[in-house]
Amino acid sequence: MYGYIRTLKTYIKEFFNQETPKGSRTMPDYYRHALAGSEAILSIYFLMNLFLLHWGTGKWFIMPPALLCGILICLASNGRVNIFFSFYGFAAVILCWTIWYIRTFGWEYGGQHFLVVLLLLQVFNIYEKPWKKMINAMLLLCIRMCLFVYTISHMPVIALNQRESIGFQMFNSLTFYVMLAFCFVIFSSNIQKEELHLLLDNEKLQRQADTDPLTKLPNRRPMMERLQEYSVKYPKDIFSIGIADIDHFKQVNDTYGHACGDYVLQKISEKFLSASHGQYSVCRWGGEEFCFFLPGKNLDEAKDILFDVHLAVGIMNLDYKEETLHITVTIGIAENDFRSSLEELLDEADRKLYMGKINGRNQIVA
């Protein structure tokens, strides 16, 4: 219980201490679209109310055309003034309409629903601090409650008959739900878009973290993950692991420079990939070492496959500037014996590689 209270206190503290960007003339596109769309819907709503109210009551009212002018000004200035004035101009129109409408016709016709749209736009205003959003939400709640209490103790200025009541209730509800749905679609689409960008960026970073930038081969980490995943998924399946090392690579770097060494690594990596024919996976294990994973292959099969790789590298002519280089590799191979761990199998392949190096290089030890 104490831990839950501490977690809740931490969450509340972080919530109220969130950083927000400072106000700017450039409001986010999604917010500008939501605000502009709401203002456009309200413009149509006020225009139709001008005639609907006259049809229902036989009177012309000054409030609908006055607020129509106000909302058109808000719509025209959208994106030209900062988000503070855009939102609070819209809020002033909504509040004036809601108060006037409920005082004139009463509570049951849904004029108070427009405060929900105002609350939604307030919540998604990224320039407002959380504590300000909470205060504004409480103010909207107080206004709504005060209007409700007012309608209990005061009769509406104009009483509508049943047919008019149904018409006005349906019209207000339709407008409210269209505005609400429009805002939800805009905001949810923006959130989904941001999440998609975040996922794609994370995937890109993951690929970059898992890929050797020089050779474009996977590095050690994804190879280990694949080996572990295969061992868990197919615990009774045979597989082999090979560790290859470029012979005399230090001499290449010392004689021709590191740029030539990078060129050799790239070309050999390309050869490893082109010679795989889907029979193995290969990664850059580190430095001039490479690791081969041969699923479903026993020691003899793995040796035959990697012998072809070894031969293909040996007959390559690498032309670097005015020099033609002949590169060889030494490979050590270990087979899954169903007793050793992955680390032990890798150590076994590395031990055989070392044996091949001290016995003259340019060979396969299995």
Protein backbone atom coordinates (compact mmCIF):
# COMPACT_ATOMS: atom_id res chain seq x y z
CA MET A 1 0.00 0.00 0.00
CA TYR A 2 2.82 2.37 0.91
CA GLY A 3 4.59 1.59 -2.37
CA TYR A 4 1.41 2.30 -4.33
CA ILE A 5 1.02 5.69 -2.59
CA ARG A 6 4.65 6.58 -3.36
CA THR A 7 4.15 5.63 -7.02
CA LEU A 8 0.99 7.72 -7.18
CA LYS A 9 2.72 10.72 -5.59
CA THR A 10 5.60 10.40 -8.06
CA TYR A 11 3.18 10.22 -10.99
CA ILE A 12 1.25 13.28 -9.81
CA LYS A 13 4.48 15.22 -9.28
CA GLU A 14 5.76 14.33 -12.75
CA PHE A 15 2.38 15.17 -14.27
CA PHE A 16 2.30 18.68 -12.85
CA ASN A 17 5.98 19.30 -13.61
CA GLN A 18 5.77 18.43 -17.29
CA GLU A 19 7.64 20.82 -19.54
CA THR A 20 5.64 22.59 -22.21
CA PRO A 21 6.85 24.56 -25.23
CA LYS A 22 6.54 28.30 -25.05
CA GLY A 23 3.74 29.97 -26.97
CA SER A 24 4.44 30.52 -30.61
CA ARG A 25 2.76 32.08 -33.62
CA THR A 26 3.04 28.71 -35.30
CA MET A 27 0.58 26.30 -33.72
CA PRO A 28 0.81 22.57 -34.53
CA ASP A 29 -0.89 21.65 -37.80
CA TYR A 30 -3.16 19.04 -36.21
CA TYR A 31 -4.40 21.56 -33.63
CA ARG A 32 -4.92 24.28 -36.24
CA HIS A 33 -6.94 21.85 -38.36
CA ALA A 34 -9.06 20.75 -35.39
CA LEU A 35 -9.71 24.36 -34.39
CA ALA A 36 -10.43 25.49 -37.94
CA GLY A 37 -12.76 22.56 -38.55
CA SER A 38 -14.66 23.24 -35.32
CA GLU A 39 -14.95 26.91 -36.23
CA ALA A 40 -16.23 26.06 -39.70
CA ILE A 41 -18.86 23.72 -38.23
CA LEU A 42 -19.90 26.41 -35.74
CA SER A 43 -20.19 28.96 -38.55
CA ILE A 44 -22.71 26.74 -40.33
CA TYR A 45 -24.42 26.04 -37.01
CA PHE A 46 -24.89 29.74 -36.15
CA LEU A 47 -26.08 30.54 -39.66
CA MET A 48 -28.70 27.79 -39.55
CA ASN A 49 -29.71 28.79 -36.02
CA LEU A 50 -30.46 32.29 -37.26
CA PHE A 51 -33.28 30.86 -39.38
CA LEU A 52 -34.25 27.92 -37.18
CA LEU A 53 -34.81 30.14 -34.16
CA HIS A 54 -36.92 32.49 -36.25
CA TRP A 55 -38.88 29.49 -37.57
CA GLY A 56 -39.41 28.11 -34.07
CA THR A 57 -40.21 31.34 -32.24
CA GLY A 58 -41.20 33.85 -34.88
CA LYS A 59 -38.48 36.20 -33.63
CA TRP A 60 -35.11 37.32 -34.91
CA PHE A 61 -32.27 37.08 -32.38
CA ILE A 62 -29.13 39.18 -32.37
CA MET A 63 -26.93 36.53 -30.71
CA PRO A 64 -26.58 34.03 -33.64
CA PRO A 65 -25.43 36.63 -36.21
CA ALA A 66 -23.19 38.33 -33.63
CA LEU A 67 -21.47 35.06 -32.76
CA LEU A 68 -21.38 34.09 -36.43
CA CYS A 69 -19.29 37.23 -37.03
CA GLY A 70 -17.12 36.33 -34.04
CA ILE A 71 -16.47 32.76 -35.15
CA LEU A 72 -15.71 33.92 -38.72
CA ILE A 73 -13.11 36.31 -37.30
CA CYS A 74 -11.61 33.39 -35.34
CA LEU A 75 -11.60 31.26 -38.50
CA ALA A 76 -9.95 34.00 -40.57
CA SER A 77 -7.25 34.56 -37.94
CA ASN A 78 -6.56 30.86 -37.42
CA GLY A 79 -2.83 30.28 -37.90
CA ARG A 80 -2.12 34.04 -38.05
CA VAL A 81 -2.18 34.63 -34.31
CA ASN A 82 -0.67 32.46 -31.61
CA ILE A 83 -2.42 29.48 -30.14
CA PHE A 84 -3.42 31.37 -26.97
CA PHE A 85 -5.57 33.93 -28.80
CA SER A 86 -6.91 31.35 -31.25
CA PHE A 87 -8.13 29.04 -28.50
CA TYR A 88 -9.48 31.66 -26.14
CA GLY A 89 -11.25 33.51 -28.95
CA PHE A 90 -12.98 30.25 -29.84
CA ALA A 91 -13.68 29.59 -26.14
CA ALA A 92 -15.29 33.01 -25.71
CA VAL A 93 -17.69 32.33 -28.57
CA ILE A 94 -18.62 28.90 -27.17
CA LEU A 95 -19.18 30.26 -23.66
CA CYS A 96 -21.28 33.17 -24.84
CA TRP A 97 -23.46 30.90 -26.94
CA THR A 98 -23.88 28.26 -24.23
CA ILE A 99 -24.85 30.78 -21.54
CA TRP A 100 -27.23 32.65 -23.82
CA TYR A 101 -28.80 29.51 -25.24
CA ILE A 102 -29.46 27.85 -21.88
CA ARG A 103 -30.79 31.07 -20.35
CA THR A 104 -33.08 31.60 -23.35
CA PHE A 105 -34.35 28.07 -24.02
CA GLY A 106 -33.44 25.96 -21.01
CA TRP A 107 -31.22 22.98 -20.17
CA GLU A 108 -32.88 20.15 -22.06
CA TYR A 109 -31.93 21.27 -25.59
CA GLY A 110 -28.23 20.38 -25.31
CA GLY A 111 -26.55 23.78 -25.48
CA GLN A 112 -24.25 22.74 -22.63
CA HIS A 113 -22.75 19.92 -24.73
CA PHE A 114 -20.51 22.38 -26.57
CA LEU A 115 -18.50 22.82 -23.37
CA VAL A 116 -17.21 19.26 -23.92
CA VAL A 117 -15.68 20.28 -27.26
CA LEU A 118 -14.08 23.21 -25.50
CA LEU A 119 -12.66 20.86 -22.84
CA LEU A 120 -11.29 18.53 -25.53
CA LEU A 121 -9.49 21.35 -27.33
CA GLN A 122 -8.14 22.59 -24.01
CA VAL A 123 -6.72 19.17 -23.09
CA PHE A 124 -4.87 18.84 -26.41
CA ASN A 125 -3.35 22.32 -26.19
CA ILE A 126 0.35 21.43 -25.82
CA TYR A 127 1.28 24.98 -24.78
CA GLU A 128 -0.79 24.85 -21.58
CA LYS A 129 0.79 23.41 -18.45
CA PRO A 130 -1.08 20.49 -16.85
CA TRP A 131 -2.07 22.50 -13.78
CA LYS A 132 -3.61 25.18 -16.00
CA LYS A 133 -5.56 22.52 -17.89
CA MET A 134 -6.88 21.20 -14.59
CA ILE A 135 -7.94 24.68 -13.46
CA ASN A 136 -9.66 25.38 -16.78
CA ALA A 137 -11.41 22.00 -16.63
CA MET A 138 -12.69 22.84 -13.14
CA LEU A 139 -13.88 26.24 -14.36
CA LEU A 140 -15.82 24.61 -17.20
CA LEU A 141 -17.36 22.20 -14.72
CA CYS A 142 -18.34 25.10 -12.43
CA ILE A 143 -19.91 26.98 -15.36
CA ARG A 144 -21.86 23.88 -16.34
CA MET A 145 -23.08 23.30 -12.77
CA CYS A 146 -24.02 26.96 -12.33
CA LEU A 147 -26.03 26.91 -15.54
CA PHE A 148 -27.79 23.76 -14.39
CA VAL A 149 -28.65 25.30 -11.04
CA TYR A 150 -29.84 28.44 -12.81
CA THR A 151 -32.27 26.46 -14.99
CA ILE A 152 -33.77 24.80 -11.89
CA SER A 153 -34.63 28.11 -10.26
CA HIS A 154 -35.44 30.15 -13.40
CA MET A 155 -37.83 29.53 -16.23
CA PRO A 156 -36.46 29.88 -19.76
CA VAL A 157 -37.12 33.13 -21.52
CA ILE A 158 -38.77 31.32 -24.43
CA ALA A 159 -40.73 28.08 -24.09
CA LEU A 160 -40.76 25.75 -27.11
CA ASN A 161 -43.50 23.34 -28.02
CA GLN A 162 -42.89 19.59 -28.41
CA ARG A 163 -42.19 19.66 -32.14
CA GLU A 164 -39.75 22.56 -31.76
CA SER A 165 -38.11 20.90 -28.76
CA ILE A 166 -37.42 17.73 -30.74
CA GLY A 167 -36.05 19.71 -33.70
CA PHE A 168 -33.71 21.85 -31.60
CA GLN A 169 -32.51 18.88 -29.52
CA MET A 170 -31.71 16.86 -32.64
CA PHE A 171 -29.99 19.79 -34.35
CA ASN A 172 -27.83 20.60 -31.32
CA SER A 173 -26.95 16.94 -30.75
CA LEU A 174 -26.03 16.43 -34.40
CA THR A 175 -23.77 19.50 -34.42
CA PHE A 176 -22.13 18.55 -31.13
CA TYR A 177 -21.37 14.98 -32.20
CA VAL A 178 -20.03 16.08 -35.60
CA MET A 179 -17.66 18.52 -33.88
CA LEU A 180 -16.63 15.97 -31.28
CA ALA A 181 -16.05 13.24 -33.86
CA PHE A 182 -14.08 15.62 -36.07
CA CYS A 183 -11.77 16.62 -33.20
CA PHE A 184 -11.30 13.02 -32.09
CA VAL A 185 -10.39 11.93 -35.61
CA ILE A 186 -7.85 14.76 -35.98
CA PHE A 187 -6.22 14.21 -32.60
CA SER A 188 -6.22 10.40 -32.77
CA SER A 189 -4.80 10.49 -36.31
CA ASN A 190 -2.01 12.76 -35.13
CA ILE A 191 -1.23 10.48 -32.18
CA GLN A 192 -1.20 7.43 -34.47
CA LYS A 193 1.03 9.26 -36.95
CA GLU A 194 3.46 10.25 -34.20
CA GLU A 195 3.46 6.69 -32.85
CA LEU A 196 4.09 5.36 -36.35
CA HIS A 197 7.01 7.76 -36.82
CA LEU A 198 8.35 6.74 -33.43
CA LEU A 199 8.07 3.04 -34.27
CA LEU A 200 9.75 3.56 -37.65
CA ASP A 201 12.52 5.62 -36.06
CA ASN A 202 13.03 2.96 -33.41
CA GLU A 203 13.16 0.26 -36.07
CA LYS A 204 15.70 2.32 -38.01
CA LEU A 205 17.81 2.80 -34.90
CA GLN A 206 17.49 -0.91 -34.13
CA ARG A 207 18.67 -1.81 -37.63
CA GLN A 208 21.57 0.61 -37.30
CA ALA A 209 22.49 -0.84 -33.91
CA ASP A 210 22.30 -4.39 -35.28
CA THR A 211 24.22 -3.72 -38.51
CA ASP A 212 27.92 -3.25 -38.97
CA PRO A 213 28.23 0.10 -40.79
CA LEU A 214 31.27 -0.93 -42.85
CA THR A 215 30.29 -4.35 -44.17
CA LYS A 216 26.48 -3.97 -43.84
CA LEU A 217 26.44 -7.41 -42.22
CA PRO A 218 24.67 -8.03 -38.92
CA ASN A 219 26.94 -7.61 -35.93
CA ARG A 220 27.47 -9.92 -32.96
CA ARG A 221 24.32 -9.08 -30.97
CA PRO A 222 21.63 -10.09 -33.54
CA MET A 223 23.64 -13.25 -34.35
CA MET A 224 23.65 -14.24 -30.68
CA GLU A 225 19.92 -13.54 -30.48
CA ARG A 226 19.29 -15.73 -33.51
CA LEU A 227 21.40 -18.56 -32.11
CA GLN A 228 19.60 -18.38 -28.77
CA GLU A 229 16.19 -18.21 -30.42
CA TYR A 230 16.97 -21.23 -32.61
CA SER A 231 18.25 -23.24 -29.65
CA VAL A 232 15.10 -22.57 -27.68
CA LYS A 233 12.70 -23.10 -30.58
CA TYR A 234 14.40 -26.24 -31.96
CA PRO A 235 16.17 -27.84 -28.99
CA LYS A 236 16.54 -31.21 -30.78
CA ASP A 237 17.79 -29.86 -34.12
CA ILE A 238 21.37 -30.09 -35.26
CA PHE A 239 23.29 -26.98 -36.28
CA SER A 240 26.88 -25.86 -36.73
CA ILE A 241 28.79 -22.67 -36.05
CA GLY A 242 31.80 -21.41 -37.96
CA ILE A 243 34.28 -18.68 -37.03
CA ALA A 244 36.35 -17.27 -39.93
CA ASP A 245 39.37 -15.00 -39.73
CA ILE A 246 41.09 -13.15 -42.58
CA ASP A 247 44.69 -14.29 -42.82
CA HIS A 248 47.44 -11.68 -42.41
CA PHE A 249 44.90 -8.87 -42.17
CA LYS A 250 47.18 -6.75 -39.99
CA GLN A 251 49.84 -6.98 -42.70
CA VAL A 252 47.30 -5.65 -45.25
CA ASN A 253 46.57 -2.67 -43.02
CA ASP A 254 50.25 -2.01 -42.32
CA THR A 255 51.28 -2.30 -45.97
CA TYR A 256 48.42 -0.64 -47.84
CA GLY A 257 46.65 1.38 -45.15
CA HIS A 258 43.39 1.07 -43.27
CA ALA A 259 41.38 2.21 -46.29
CA CYS A 260 42.57 -0.90 -48.09
CA GLY A 261 41.70 -2.99 -45.03
CA ASP A 262 38.17 -1.60 -45.10
CA TYR A 263 37.94 -2.41 -48.82
CA VAL A 264 39.01 -6.00 -48.16
CA LEU A 265 36.41 -6.39 -45.39
CA GLN A 266 33.67 -5.08 -47.66
CA LYS A 267 34.57 -7.31 -50.58
CA ILE A 268 34.90 -10.44 -48.48
CA SER A 269 31.57 -9.68 -46.80
CA GLU A 270 29.96 -9.41 -50.22
CA LYS A 271 31.49 -12.75 -51.18
CA PHE A 272 30.21 -14.39 -47.98
CA LEU A 273 26.70 -13.19 -48.76
CA SER A 274 26.72 -14.16 -52.43
CA ALA A 275 28.06 -17.64 -51.64
CA SER A 276 25.49 -18.41 -48.94
CA HIS A 277 22.64 -19.59 -51.21
CA GLY A 278 20.40 -19.52 -48.14
CA GLN A 279 22.45 -22.22 -46.38
CA TYR A 280 23.86 -20.06 -43.60
CA SER A 281 23.72 -16.70 -41.89
CA VAL A 282 26.84 -14.64 -41.45
CA CYS A 283 27.76 -11.68 -39.30
CA ARG A 284 30.82 -9.58 -38.57
CA TRP A 285 31.95 -11.03 -35.27
CA GLY A 286 34.53 -8.34 -34.63
CA GLY A 287 37.63 -6.96 -36.32
CA GLU A 288 38.50 -9.31 -39.16
CA GLU A 289 36.47 -12.21 -37.74
CA PHE A 290 33.14 -13.46 -39.07
CA CYS A 291 30.64 -15.92 -37.61
CA PHE A 292 28.60 -18.41 -39.66
CA PHE A 293 25.42 -20.06 -38.42
CA LEU A 294 24.38 -23.17 -40.35
CA PRO A 295 20.99 -24.41 -39.11
CA GLY A 296 20.19 -28.07 -39.74
CA LYS A 297 23.76 -28.84 -40.82
CA ASN A 298 26.03 -31.37 -39.13
CA LEU A 299 29.79 -31.00 -39.01
CA ASP A 300 30.48 -32.67 -42.36
CA GLU A 301 27.76 -30.71 -44.17
CA ALA A 302 28.94 -27.48 -42.63
CA LYS A 303 32.52 -28.22 -43.64
CA ASP A 304 31.48 -28.85 -47.27
CA ILE A 305 29.52 -25.60 -47.42
CA LEU A 306 32.23 -23.49 -45.80
CA PHE A 307 34.89 -25.15 -47.95
CA ASP A 308 33.15 -23.66 -51.00
CA VAL A 309 33.17 -20.28 -49.24
CA HIS A 310 36.83 -20.71 -48.37
CA LEU A 311 37.62 -21.59 -51.98
CA ALA A 312 35.60 -18.69 -53.40
CA VAL A 313 37.53 -16.22 -51.23
CA GLY A 314 40.86 -17.79 -52.15
CA ILE A 315 40.38 -17.31 -55.88
CA MET A 316 39.23 -13.70 -55.60
CA ASN A 317 41.37 -10.97 -57.14
CA LEU A 318 40.93 -7.77 -55.16
CA ASP A 319 42.14 -4.80 -57.19
CA TYR A 320 43.00 -1.92 -54.93
CA LYS A 321 44.47 1.08 -56.74
CA GLU A 322 47.46 -0.41 -58.58
CA GLU A 323 47.71 -3.51 -56.43
CA THR A 324 46.03 -6.91 -56.83
CA LEU A 325 45.48 -8.63 -53.51
CA HIS A 326 44.94 -12.32 -52.87
CA ILE A 327 43.18 -12.93 -49.57
CA THR A 328 42.64 -16.20 -47.74
CA VAL A 329 40.66 -17.11 -44.66
CA THR A 330 40.93 -19.68 -41.90
CA ILE A 331 37.75 -21.21 -40.50
CA GLY A 332 36.99 -23.20 -37.37
CA ILE A 333 33.74 -25.18 -37.16
CA ALA A 334 31.86 -26.62 -34.17
CA GLU A 335 28.74 -28.81 -34.21
CA ASN A 336 25.94 -28.70 -31.66
CA ASP A 337 26.46 -31.72 -29.39
CA PHE A 338 23.29 -31.09 -27.32
CA ARG A 339 25.42 -30.84 -24.19
CA SER A 340 27.42 -27.66 -24.63
CA SER A 341 26.04 -24.15 -24.24
CA LEU A 342 26.20 -21.65 -27.09
CA GLU A 343 29.18 -19.97 -25.46
CA GLU A 344 30.98 -23.31 -25.27
CA LEU A 345 30.22 -24.07 -28.94
CA LEU A 346 31.54 -20.66 -29.95
CA ASP A 347 34.65 -21.22 -27.86
CA GLU A 348 35.10 -24.60 -29.57
CA ALA A 349 34.84 -23.02 -33.04
CA ASP A 350 37.25 -20.29 -31.95
CA ARG A 351 39.69 -22.90 -30.58
CA LYS A 352 39.66 -24.75 -33.91
CA LEU A 353 40.19 -21.46 -35.72
CA TYR A 354 43.25 -20.85 -33.56
CA MET A 355 44.54 -24.34 -34.37
CA GLY A 356 44.20 -23.55 -38.07
CA LYS A 357 46.07 -20.25 -37.63
CA ILE A 358 49.04 -21.85 -35.88
CA ASN A 359 49.13 -24.69 -38.40
CA GLY A 360 49.69 -22.45 -41.39
CA ARG A 361 46.38 -20.61 -42.00
CA ASN A 362 44.28 -20.81 -45.20
CA GLN A 363 42.41 -23.92 -44.06
CA ILE A 364 39.27 -25.28 -42.41
CA VAL A 365 39.42 -27.07 -39.07
CA ALA A 366 36.31 -29.09 -38.14
